[in-house]
Amino acid sequence: EATILQREDDRPVVIDLGGVQFMDSSGLRSLLDAARRAQSRGTTVVLRSVAAEVERLLEITGTAGQFG
């Protein structure tokens, strides 16, 4: 389960994925929605403790660049 560690108006939203070993399209969609919302507020989403499997999903789908 992902946990939001920090969220302030002008600071990045930090999501710790330390407990996430698998992510399907629903999880990816949620992260991308969060990234879009953050971008509309002038900030970014930073992913922390990303497992190799999740990192591979982000790379394969071409979405890794959406996150810090």
N, C-alpha and C. Protein backbone atom coordinates (compact mmCIF):
# COMPACT_ATOMS: atom_id res chain seq x y z
N GLU A 1 0.84 -1.18 0.00
CA GLU A 1 0.00 0.00 0.00
C GLU A 1 0.88 1.24 0.00
N ALA A 2 0.60 2.16 -0.88
CA ALA A 2 1.38 3.39 -1.00
C ALA A 2 0.96 4.38 0.08
N THR A 3 1.91 5.19 0.51
CA THR A 3 1.66 6.18 1.54
C THR A 3 2.17 7.53 1.07
N ILE A 4 1.35 8.56 1.19
CA ILE A 4 1.79 9.92 0.87
C ILE A 4 2.53 10.45 2.09
N LEU A 5 3.81 10.79 1.91
CA LEU A 5 4.63 11.25 3.02
C LEU A 5 4.59 12.75 3.21
N GLN A 6 4.43 13.48 2.14
CA GLN A 6 4.48 14.93 2.23
C GLN A 6 3.58 15.53 1.16
N ARG A 7 2.79 16.51 1.55
CA ARG A 7 1.96 17.20 0.55
C ARG A 7 1.73 18.62 1.01
N GLU A 8 2.35 19.55 0.31
CA GLU A 8 2.15 20.97 0.56
C GLU A 8 1.99 21.64 -0.79
N ASP A 9 1.39 22.81 -0.79
CA ASP A 9 1.05 23.48 -2.04
C ASP A 9 2.20 23.60 -3.03
N ASP A 10 3.35 24.08 -2.59
CA ASP A 10 4.43 24.33 -3.54
C ASP A 10 5.53 23.27 -3.49
N ARG A 11 5.35 22.25 -2.71
CA ARG A 11 6.34 21.18 -2.60
C ARG A 11 5.85 19.94 -3.32
N PRO A 12 6.79 19.10 -3.76
CA PRO A 12 6.39 17.87 -4.45
C PRO A 12 5.55 16.95 -3.55
N VAL A 13 4.69 16.20 -4.16
CA VAL A 13 3.95 15.15 -3.46
C VAL A 13 4.85 13.92 -3.49
N VAL A 14 5.20 13.41 -2.32
CA VAL A 14 6.10 12.26 -2.23
C VAL A 14 5.27 11.02 -1.89
N ILE A 15 5.35 10.01 -2.75
CA ILE A 15 4.62 8.77 -2.53
C ILE A 15 5.63 7.65 -2.32
N ASP A 16 5.56 7.02 -1.16
CA ASP A 16 6.45 5.91 -0.81
C ASP A 16 5.80 4.61 -1.28
N LEU A 17 6.45 3.94 -2.22
CA LEU A 17 5.95 2.68 -2.76
C LEU A 17 6.69 1.48 -2.18
N GLY A 18 7.29 1.65 -1.02
CA GLY A 18 8.10 0.60 -0.41
C GLY A 18 7.37 -0.71 -0.21
N GLY A 19 6.09 -0.71 0.01
CA GLY A 19 5.33 -1.93 0.22
C GLY A 19 4.68 -2.47 -1.04
N VAL A 20 4.97 -1.85 -2.19
CA VAL A 20 4.32 -2.23 -3.44
C VAL A 20 5.30 -3.06 -4.28
N GLN A 21 4.97 -4.33 -4.48
CA GLN A 21 5.80 -5.21 -5.29
C GLN A 21 5.20 -5.44 -6.68
N PHE A 22 3.92 -5.19 -6.82
CA PHE A 22 3.21 -5.38 -8.09
C PHE A 22 2.27 -4.22 -8.29
N MET A 23 2.17 -3.76 -9.53
CA MET A 23 1.22 -2.70 -9.85
C MET A 23 0.55 -3.04 -11.18
N ASP A 24 -0.77 -2.96 -11.18
CA ASP A 24 -1.52 -3.19 -12.42
C ASP A 24 -1.89 -1.84 -13.04
N SER A 25 -2.71 -1.89 -14.07
CA SER A 25 -3.06 -0.66 -14.78
C SER A 25 -3.84 0.31 -13.90
N SER A 26 -4.60 -0.19 -12.95
CA SER A 26 -5.36 0.70 -12.05
C SER A 26 -4.41 1.50 -11.16
N GLY A 27 -3.40 0.84 -10.64
CA GLY A 27 -2.41 1.54 -9.81
C GLY A 27 -1.65 2.57 -10.61
N LEU A 28 -1.25 2.19 -11.82
CA LEU A 28 -0.53 3.12 -12.69
C LEU A 28 -1.41 4.31 -13.03
N ARG A 29 -2.66 4.06 -13.33
CA ARG A 29 -3.61 5.15 -13.64
C ARG A 29 -3.73 6.11 -12.45
N SER A 30 -3.78 5.57 -11.24
CA SER A 30 -3.87 6.43 -10.04
C SER A 30 -2.64 7.31 -9.89
N LEU A 31 -1.46 6.73 -10.13
CA LEU A 31 -0.24 7.53 -10.05
C LEU A 31 -0.21 8.62 -11.12
N LEU A 32 -0.62 8.27 -12.34
CA LEU A 32 -0.64 9.25 -13.41
C LEU A 32 -1.66 10.36 -13.14
N ASP A 33 -2.81 10.00 -12.56
CA ASP A 33 -3.80 11.02 -12.18
C ASP A 33 -3.22 11.97 -11.14
N ALA A 34 -2.50 11.41 -10.16
CA ALA A 34 -1.87 12.23 -9.13
C ALA A 34 -0.83 13.16 -9.76
N ALA A 35 -0.06 12.65 -10.71
CA ALA A 35 0.94 13.47 -11.39
C ALA A 35 0.28 14.61 -12.16
N ARG A 36 -0.82 14.33 -12.83
CA ARG A 36 -1.54 15.38 -13.57
C ARG A 36 -2.09 16.46 -12.63
N ARG A 37 -2.68 16.01 -11.51
CA ARG A 37 -3.21 16.98 -10.54
C ARG A 37 -2.09 17.84 -9.96
N ALA A 38 -0.97 17.20 -9.64
CA ALA A 38 0.16 17.95 -9.09
C ALA A 38 0.67 18.96 -10.10
N GLN A 39 0.78 18.54 -11.35
CA GLN A 39 1.26 19.44 -12.40
C GLN A 39 0.34 20.64 -12.55
N SER A 40 -0.96 20.43 -12.43
CA SER A 40 -1.90 21.54 -12.55
C SER A 40 -1.76 22.53 -11.40
N ARG A 41 -1.18 22.09 -10.28
CA ARG A 41 -0.91 22.97 -9.14
C ARG A 41 0.52 23.50 -9.15
N GLY A 42 1.27 23.17 -10.22
CA GLY A 42 2.62 23.68 -10.35
C GLY A 42 3.66 22.90 -9.57
N THR A 43 3.37 21.65 -9.27
CA THR A 43 4.33 20.83 -8.54
C THR A 43 4.45 19.46 -9.22
N THR A 44 5.12 18.52 -8.58
CA THR A 44 5.35 17.20 -9.16
C THR A 44 5.06 16.11 -8.15
N VAL A 45 5.03 14.89 -8.64
CA VAL A 45 4.94 13.70 -7.78
C VAL A 45 6.30 13.02 -7.81
N VAL A 46 6.83 12.75 -6.65
CA VAL A 46 8.10 12.04 -6.51
C VAL A 46 7.80 10.67 -5.93
N LEU A 47 8.29 9.63 -6.60
CA LEU A 47 8.11 8.26 -6.12
C LEU A 47 9.35 7.84 -5.35
N ARG A 48 9.12 7.25 -4.19
CA ARG A 48 10.21 6.81 -3.32
C ARG A 48 10.10 5.30 -3.11
N SER A 49 11.23 4.63 -2.97
CA SER A 49 11.30 3.19 -2.68
C SER A 49 10.54 2.36 -3.72
N VAL A 50 10.85 2.62 -4.98
CA VAL A 50 10.17 1.93 -6.08
C VAL A 50 10.83 0.57 -6.32
N ALA A 51 10.04 -0.50 -6.24
CA ALA A 51 10.53 -1.85 -6.49
C ALA A 51 10.91 -2.00 -7.97
N ALA A 52 11.82 -2.91 -8.25
CA ALA A 52 12.29 -3.12 -9.63
C ALA A 52 11.13 -3.45 -10.57
N GLU A 53 10.16 -4.23 -10.09
CA GLU A 53 9.02 -4.62 -10.92
C GLU A 53 8.18 -3.41 -11.31
N VAL A 54 7.98 -2.50 -10.35
CA VAL A 54 7.19 -1.29 -10.62
C VAL A 54 7.99 -0.35 -11.52
N GLU A 55 9.27 -0.24 -11.27
CA GLU A 55 10.12 0.59 -12.12
C GLU A 55 10.09 0.09 -13.57
N ARG A 56 10.12 -1.19 -13.73
CA ARG A 56 10.05 -1.79 -15.08
C ARG A 56 8.73 -1.43 -15.76
N LEU A 57 7.61 -1.50 -15.02
CA LEU A 57 6.31 -1.12 -15.56
C LEU A 57 6.33 0.33 -16.05
N LEU A 58 6.90 1.21 -15.24
CA LEU A 58 6.97 2.63 -15.61
C LEU A 58 7.81 2.82 -16.87
N GLU A 59 8.91 2.07 -16.97
CA GLU A 59 9.77 2.18 -18.15
C GLU A 59 9.09 1.62 -19.39
N ILE A 60 8.46 0.45 -19.27
CA ILE A 60 7.81 -0.19 -20.41
C ILE A 60 6.67 0.68 -20.96
N THR A 61 5.92 1.32 -20.06
CA THR A 61 4.79 2.13 -20.47
C THR A 61 5.20 3.55 -20.87
N GLY A 62 6.48 3.88 -20.71
CA GLY A 62 6.94 5.22 -21.08
C GLY A 62 6.47 6.30 -20.14
N THR A 63 6.13 5.93 -18.91
CA THR A 63 5.59 6.92 -17.97
C THR A 63 6.57 7.29 -16.86
N ALA A 64 7.76 6.72 -16.87
CA ALA A 64 8.74 6.99 -15.80
C ALA A 64 9.05 8.49 -15.71
N GLY A 65 9.07 9.18 -16.84
CA GLY A 65 9.37 10.60 -16.84
C GLY A 65 8.31 11.48 -16.21
N GLN A 66 7.16 10.93 -15.89
CA GLN A 66 6.09 11.69 -15.25
C GLN A 66 6.36 11.93 -13.77
N PHE A 67 7.36 11.22 -13.23
CA PHE A 67 7.62 11.22 -11.79
C PHE A 67 9.07 11.55 -11.50
N GLY A 68 9.29 12.12 -10.31
CA GLY A 68 10.64 12.37 -9.86
C GLY A 68 11.19 11.19 -9.13
